[in-house]
Amino acid sequence: MTFLLALLVFSLLVRYLLPVVLRAVLGSFVRQQVHKAQQGGFYPPTGGPQPGYRSQARQPEAAPGQVRVDYVPPKTATERPREFRGGEYVDFEEVK
């Protein structure tokens, strides 16, 4: 009987109290992030701007009909071969 009472109390807490707590915690987190973004711009979690990213303040306006690129990924050292000549042959036995 005490188990059922404890289960009922737990389910009521989860049903009614947990959403209020989560809303308060997430609301304060969102307010902090908005405040940080308004203060000095937003950088990735590493602490500074990443190579390839440009600050919004330094970008000139693009002329009409022109394309503006915000991020260019770094070139990788290994490039894929131009032609695909098929995969590796795998010998298998048919199972019946």
Protein backbone atom coordinates (compact mmCIF):
# COMPACT_ATOMS: atom_id res chain seq x y z
CA MET A 1 0.00 0.00 0.00
CA THR A 2 2.84 2.42 0.81
CA PHE A 3 4.42 1.62 -2.55
CA LEU A 4 1.25 2.66 -4.37
CA LEU A 5 1.03 5.85 -2.33
CA ALA A 6 4.68 6.68 -3.07
CA LEU A 7 4.11 5.94 -6.76
CA LEU A 8 1.08 8.23 -6.80
CA VAL A 9 2.97 11.07 -5.11
CA PHE A 10 5.92 10.63 -7.47
CA SER A 11 3.72 10.64 -10.55
CA LEU A 12 1.90 13.78 -9.37
CA LEU A 13 5.22 15.54 -8.74
CA VAL A 14 6.47 14.60 -12.18
CA ARG A 15 3.19 15.59 -13.81
CA TYR A 16 2.74 18.99 -12.16
CA LEU A 17 6.02 20.12 -10.59
CA LEU A 18 8.59 19.04 -13.20
CA PRO A 19 7.22 21.22 -16.04
CA VAL A 20 7.30 24.30 -13.81
CA VAL A 21 10.91 23.63 -12.77
CA LEU A 22 12.06 22.90 -16.32
CA ARG A 23 10.33 26.02 -17.67
CA ALA A 24 12.09 28.17 -15.05
CA VAL A 25 15.52 26.61 -15.65
CA LEU A 26 15.31 26.71 -19.43
CA GLY A 27 13.86 30.23 -19.38
CA SER A 28 16.79 31.55 -17.37
CA PHE A 29 19.24 29.72 -19.67
CA VAL A 30 17.65 31.25 -22.77
CA ARG A 31 17.70 34.72 -21.20
CA GLN A 32 21.43 34.32 -20.43
CA GLN A 33 22.20 33.27 -23.99
CA VAL A 34 20.21 36.16 -25.46
CA HIS A 35 22.01 38.56 -23.15
CA LYS A 36 25.41 37.16 -24.19
CA ALA A 37 24.49 37.37 -27.86
CA GLN A 38 23.40 40.99 -27.51
CA GLN A 39 26.49 42.04 -25.57
CA GLY A 40 29.37 41.08 -27.82
CA GLY A 41 28.26 38.71 -30.48
CA PHE A 42 28.10 34.97 -30.28
CA TYR A 43 31.10 32.75 -30.74
CA PRO A 44 31.22 28.94 -30.76
CA PRO A 45 31.96 27.22 -27.41
CA THR A 46 35.73 27.22 -28.08
CA GLY A 47 35.89 30.81 -26.91
CA GLY A 48 36.77 32.68 -30.07
CA PRO A 49 35.93 33.03 -33.70
CA GLN A 50 36.68 30.03 -35.86
CA PRO A 51 38.81 30.27 -39.00
CA GLY A 52 36.53 30.89 -41.92
CA TYR A 53 33.93 32.77 -39.89
CA ARG A 54 33.70 36.49 -40.34
CA SER A 55 32.27 39.04 -37.99
CA GLN A 56 28.94 40.51 -39.05
CA ALA A 57 30.28 44.04 -38.49
CA ARG A 58 33.11 43.71 -41.06
CA GLN A 59 31.07 42.31 -43.94
CA PRO A 60 30.23 44.74 -46.72
CA GLU A 61 26.75 44.66 -48.15
CA ALA A 62 26.44 42.43 -51.19
CA ALA A 63 25.35 44.11 -54.37
CA PRO A 64 22.00 42.99 -55.77
CA GLY A 65 22.44 39.77 -57.71
CA GLN A 66 25.72 38.91 -55.98
CA VAL A 67 26.32 35.94 -53.68
CA ARG A 68 27.82 36.38 -50.22
CA VAL A 69 29.57 33.39 -48.63
CA ASP A 70 29.59 33.39 -44.82
CA TYR A 71 31.64 30.23 -44.26
CA VAL A 72 34.11 28.34 -46.41
CA PRO A 73 35.09 24.94 -44.99
CA PRO A 74 38.83 24.27 -44.82
CA LYS A 75 40.35 22.13 -47.55
CA THR A 76 41.09 18.57 -46.55
CA ALA A 77 44.44 16.99 -47.33
CA THR A 78 42.94 13.81 -48.75
CA GLU A 79 40.86 14.20 -51.86
CA ARG A 80 38.64 11.49 -53.29
CA PRO A 81 39.66 10.01 -56.63
CA ARG A 82 37.81 11.49 -59.58
CA GLU A 83 36.70 8.15 -61.05
CA PHE A 84 35.00 5.39 -59.10
CA ARG A 85 36.27 2.09 -60.46
CA GLY A 86 34.07 -0.14 -58.37
CA GLY A 87 34.46 -1.68 -54.99
CA GLU A 88 36.55 -4.47 -53.64
CA TYR A 89 35.60 -8.03 -54.68
CA VAL A 90 34.27 -10.12 -51.79
CA ASP A 91 34.07 -13.87 -52.29
CA PHE A 92 31.12 -15.45 -50.51
CA GLU A 93 29.43 -18.81 -50.22
CA GLU A 94 25.72 -19.13 -50.78
CA VAL A 95 23.88 -20.48 -47.74
CA LYS A 96 20.75 -22.55 -48.32
